[in-house]
C-alpha atoms as a PDB file:
ATOM      1  CA  MET A   1     -35.187  55.463 222.540  1.00  0.00           C
ATOM      2  CA  LYS A   2     -37.390  53.550 220.085  1.00  0.00           C
ATOM      3  CA  LYS A   3     -37.149  56.398 217.545  1.00  0.00           C
ATOM      4  CA  ARG A   4     -33.371  56.399 217.830  1.00  0.00           C
ATOM      5  CA  LEU A   5     -33.212  52.690 217.185  1.00  0.00           C
ATOM      6  CA  ILE A   6     -35.503  53.011 214.157  1.00  0.00           C
ATOM      7  CA  TYR A   7     -33.430  55.851 212.735  1.00  0.00           C
ATOM      8  CA  THR A   8     -30.216  53.820 213.242  1.00  0.00           C
ATOM      9  CA  ILE A   9     -31.765  50.795 211.480  1.00  0.00           C
ATOM     10  CA  LEU A  10     -32.991  52.952 208.588  1.00  0.00           C
ATOM     11  CA  LEU A  11     -29.673  54.704 208.268  1.00  0.00           C
ATOM     12  CA  SER A  12     -27.928  51.308 208.157  1.00  0.00           C
ATOM     13  CA  LEU A  13     -30.268  50.040 205.463  1.00  0.00           C
ATOM     14  CA  VAL A  14     -29.858  53.163 203.355  1.00  0.00           C
ATOM     15  CA  SER A  15     -26.080  52.872 203.747  1.00  0.00           C
ATOM     16  CA  CYS A  16     -26.118  49.291 202.641  1.00  0.00           C
ATOM     17  CA  LEU A  17     -28.268  50.076 199.578  1.00  0.00           C
ATOM     18  CA  ILE A  18     -25.990  52.879 198.543  1.00  0.00           C
ATOM     19  CA  LEU A  19     -22.908  50.639 198.924  1.00  0.00           C
ATOM     20  CA  LEU A  20     -24.546  47.848 196.875  1.00  0.00           C
ATOM     21  CA  SER A  21     -25.659  50.208 194.155  1.00  0.00           C
ATOM     22  CA  SER A  22     -22.234  51.810 193.884  1.00  0.00           C
ATOM     23  CA  CYS A  23     -20.593  48.438 193.188  1.00  0.00           C
ATOM     24  CA  ALA A  24     -21.671  48.826 189.482  1.00  0.00           C
ATOM     25  CA  LEU A  25     -19.731  52.069 189.421  1.00  0.00           C
ATOM     26  CA  PHE A  26     -16.484  50.154 190.086  1.00  0.00           C
ATOM     27  CA  SER A  27     -16.824  47.719 187.330  1.00  0.00           C
ATOM     28  CA  ASN A  28     -13.730  46.773 185.365  1.00  0.00           C
ATOM     29  CA  PRO A  29     -12.888  49.705 183.066  1.00  0.00           C
ATOM     30  CA  ILE A  30     -11.103  47.489 180.551  1.00  0.00           C
ATOM     31  CA  VAL A  31     -14.159  45.336 179.707  1.00  0.00           C
ATOM     32  CA  GLY A  32     -15.759  46.107 176.368  1.00  0.00           C
ATOM     33  CA  THR A  33     -14.815  46.439 172.665  1.00  0.00           C
ATOM     34  CA  TRP A  34     -11.793  48.553 171.718  1.00  0.00           C
ATOM     35  CA  SER A  35     -10.759  49.345 168.148  1.00  0.00           C
ATOM     36  CA  ASP A  36      -8.904  51.640 165.871  1.00  0.00           C
ATOM     37  CA  SER A  37      -9.338  52.972 162.352  1.00  0.00           C
ATOM     38  CA  ILE A  38      -7.090  50.372 160.642  1.00  0.00           C
ATOM     39  CA  GLY A  39      -8.874  47.255 161.863  1.00  0.00           C
ATOM     40  CA  ASN A  40      -7.210  46.381 165.224  1.00  0.00           C
ATOM     41  CA  THR A  41      -9.905  45.147 167.657  1.00  0.00           C
ATOM     42  CA  LEU A  42      -9.794  43.934 171.186  1.00  0.00           C
ATOM     43  CA  MET A  43     -12.902  42.509 172.853  1.00  0.00           C
ATOM     44  CA  LEU A  44     -12.704  41.812 176.607  1.00  0.00           C
ATOM     45  CA  ASN A  45     -15.635  40.390 178.464  1.00  0.00           C
ATOM     46  CA  ASP A  46     -16.377  40.391 182.160  1.00  0.00           C
ATOM     47  CA  GLN A  47     -15.770  36.649 182.416  1.00  0.00           C
ATOM     48  CA  GLY A  48     -12.044  36.943 181.612  1.00  0.00           C
ATOM     49  CA  ALA A  49     -12.246  35.957 177.891  1.00  0.00           C
ATOM     50  CA  TYR A  50     -10.886  37.998 174.980  1.00  0.00           C
ATOM     51  CA  LYS A  51     -10.804  37.982 171.261  1.00  0.00           C
ATOM     52  CA  ALA A  52      -8.195  40.130 169.480  1.00  0.00           C
ATOM     53  CA  THR A  53      -7.829  40.994 165.858  1.00  0.00           C
ATOM     54  CA  ILE A  54      -4.405  42.621 165.485  1.00  0.00           C
ATOM     55  CA  ILE A  55      -3.401  43.516 161.920  1.00  0.00           C
ATOM     56  CA  SER A  56       0.286  42.591 162.490  1.00  0.00           C
ATOM     57  CA  SER A  57      -0.384  39.196 164.076  1.00  0.00           C
ATOM     58  CA  GLY A  58      -3.958  38.005 163.149  1.00  0.00           C
ATOM     59  CA  VAL A  59      -6.840  36.787 165.257  1.00  0.00           C
ATOM     60  CA  THR A  60      -6.390  35.224 168.717  1.00  0.00           C
ATOM     61  CA  GLU A  61      -8.823  34.136 171.434  1.00  0.00           C
ATOM     62  CA  GLY A  62      -8.327  33.065 175.001  1.00  0.00           C
ATOM     63  CA  THR A  63      -8.415  34.330 178.538  1.00  0.00           C
ATOM     64  CA  TYR A  64      -7.073  37.441 180.153  1.00  0.00           C
ATOM     65  CA  GLU A  65      -6.125  38.695 183.601  1.00  0.00           C
ATOM     66  CA  VAL A  66      -5.417  42.189 184.746  1.00  0.00           C
ATOM     67  CA  ASN A  67      -2.445  42.614 187.154  1.00  0.00           C
ATOM     68  CA  LEU A  68      -2.197  46.330 188.006  1.00  0.00           C
ATOM     69  CA  ASN A  69      -1.272  48.005 184.723  1.00  0.00           C
ATOM     70  CA  THR A  70      -0.386  44.748 182.938  1.00  0.00           C
ATOM     71  CA  LEU A  71      -2.960  42.898 180.824  1.00  0.00           C
ATOM     72  CA  VAL A  72      -1.902  39.232 180.524  1.00  0.00           C
ATOM     73  CA  LEU A  73      -3.474  37.461 177.531  1.00  0.00           C
ATOM     74  CA  LYS A  74      -3.333  33.651 177.277  1.00  0.00           C
ATOM     75  CA  ASP A  75      -4.327  32.370 173.924  1.00  0.00           C
ATOM     76  CA  SER A  76      -5.989  29.039 173.182  1.00  0.00           C
ATOM     77  CA  ASP A  77      -2.522  27.412 172.564  1.00  0.00           C
ATOM     78  CA  GLY A  78      -1.313  28.473 175.993  1.00  0.00           C
ATOM     79  CA  ASN A  79       0.916  31.270 174.743  1.00  0.00           C
ATOM     80  CA  PHE A  80       1.123  34.396 176.899  1.00  0.00           C
ATOM     81  CA  THR A  81       1.237  38.084 175.700  1.00  0.00           C
ATOM     82  CA  TYR A  82       1.976  40.796 178.192  1.00  0.00           C
ATOM     83  CA  CYS A  83       0.613  44.299 177.542  1.00  0.00           C
ATOM     84  CA  LYS A  84       1.038  47.461 179.672  1.00  0.00           C
ATOM     85  CA  TRP A  85      -2.259  49.373 179.471  1.00  0.00           C
ATOM     86  CA  ASP A  86      -3.566  52.758 180.387  1.00  0.00           C
ATOM     87  CA  ILE A  87      -7.013  54.205 179.857  1.00  0.00           C
ATOM     88  CA  ARG A  88      -7.364  57.989 179.218  1.00  0.00           C
ATOM     89  CA  GLY A  89     -11.014  58.910 178.746  1.00  0.00           C
ATOM     90  CA  SER A  90     -12.276  56.602 175.921  1.00  0.00           C
ATOM     91  CA  ILE A  91      -8.720  55.716 174.674  1.00  0.00           C
ATOM     92  CA  MET A  92      -6.812  52.571 175.749  1.00  0.00           C
ATOM     93  CA  LEU A  93      -3.061  52.753 175.173  1.00  0.00           C
ATOM     94  CA  LEU A  94      -1.528  49.309 174.822  1.00  0.00           C
ATOM     95  CA  GLU A  95       2.168  48.515 174.815  1.00  0.00           C
ATOM     96  CA  ILE A  96       2.374  44.980 173.596  1.00  0.00           C
ATOM     97  CA  ASP A  97       5.612  43.093 174.480  1.00  0.00           C
ATOM     98  CA  GLU A  98       6.354  40.782 171.539  1.00  0.00           C
ATOM     99  CA  GLY A  99       9.740  39.598 172.881  1.00  0.00           C
ATOM    100  CA  ILE A 100      12.279  41.444 170.673  1.00  0.00           C
ATOM    101  CA  THR A 101       9.874  44.203 169.685  1.00  0.00           C
ATOM    102  CA  THR A 102       7.171  46.274 171.288  1.00  0.00           C
ATOM    103  CA  ASN A 103       3.922  47.155 169.457  1.00  0.00           C
ATOM    104  CA  MET A 104       2.087  50.287 170.471  1.00  0.00           C
ATOM    105  CA  LEU A 105      -1.648  50.521 169.951  1.00  0.00           C
ATOM    106  CA  SER A 106      -4.119  53.335 170.722  1.00  0.00           C
ATOM    107  CA  LEU A 107      -7.638  51.869 170.791  1.00  0.00           C
ATOM    108  CA  THR A 108     -10.944  53.793 171.134  1.00  0.00           C
ATOM    109  CA  TYR A 109     -13.754  52.316 173.276  1.00  0.00           C
ATOM    110  CA  SER A 110     -16.444  51.354 170.748  1.00  0.00           C
ATOM    111  CA  GLY A 111     -18.983  49.831 173.132  1.00  0.00           C
ATOM    112  CA  PRO A 112     -19.829  47.195 175.592  1.00  0.00           C
ATOM    113  CA  GLN A 113     -18.650  43.669 175.051  1.00  0.00           C
ATOM    114  CA  GLU A 114     -20.340  41.956 172.103  1.00  0.00           C
ATOM    115  CA  SER A 115     -22.037  38.662 172.635  1.00  0.00           C
ATOM    116  CA  GLU A 116     -21.242  35.789 170.371  1.00  0.00           C
END
């Protein structure tokens, strides 16, 4: 009886450790630095902040939220940009809704978020 209780407690502890260690495996896949060969760059940190350098529109900074497959960017002036996103391997496909037009970007993961 005592051995069974000890095994149950040990199994529970091991299960908890496995669960806690696997939490890192489920980190947000969108966090990091993404760029392409012409100079477009998107940096997303794990605190919900972003910095984007988009050739067609310049540099913006602000906060972001992920809502299913939509990335919602809110710049420092309070303007919102909505982007549909999909990650395939190390490539992020972004469809940026700019009102009348839609801009498509294919960005490659270039590393973890950079600290500033």
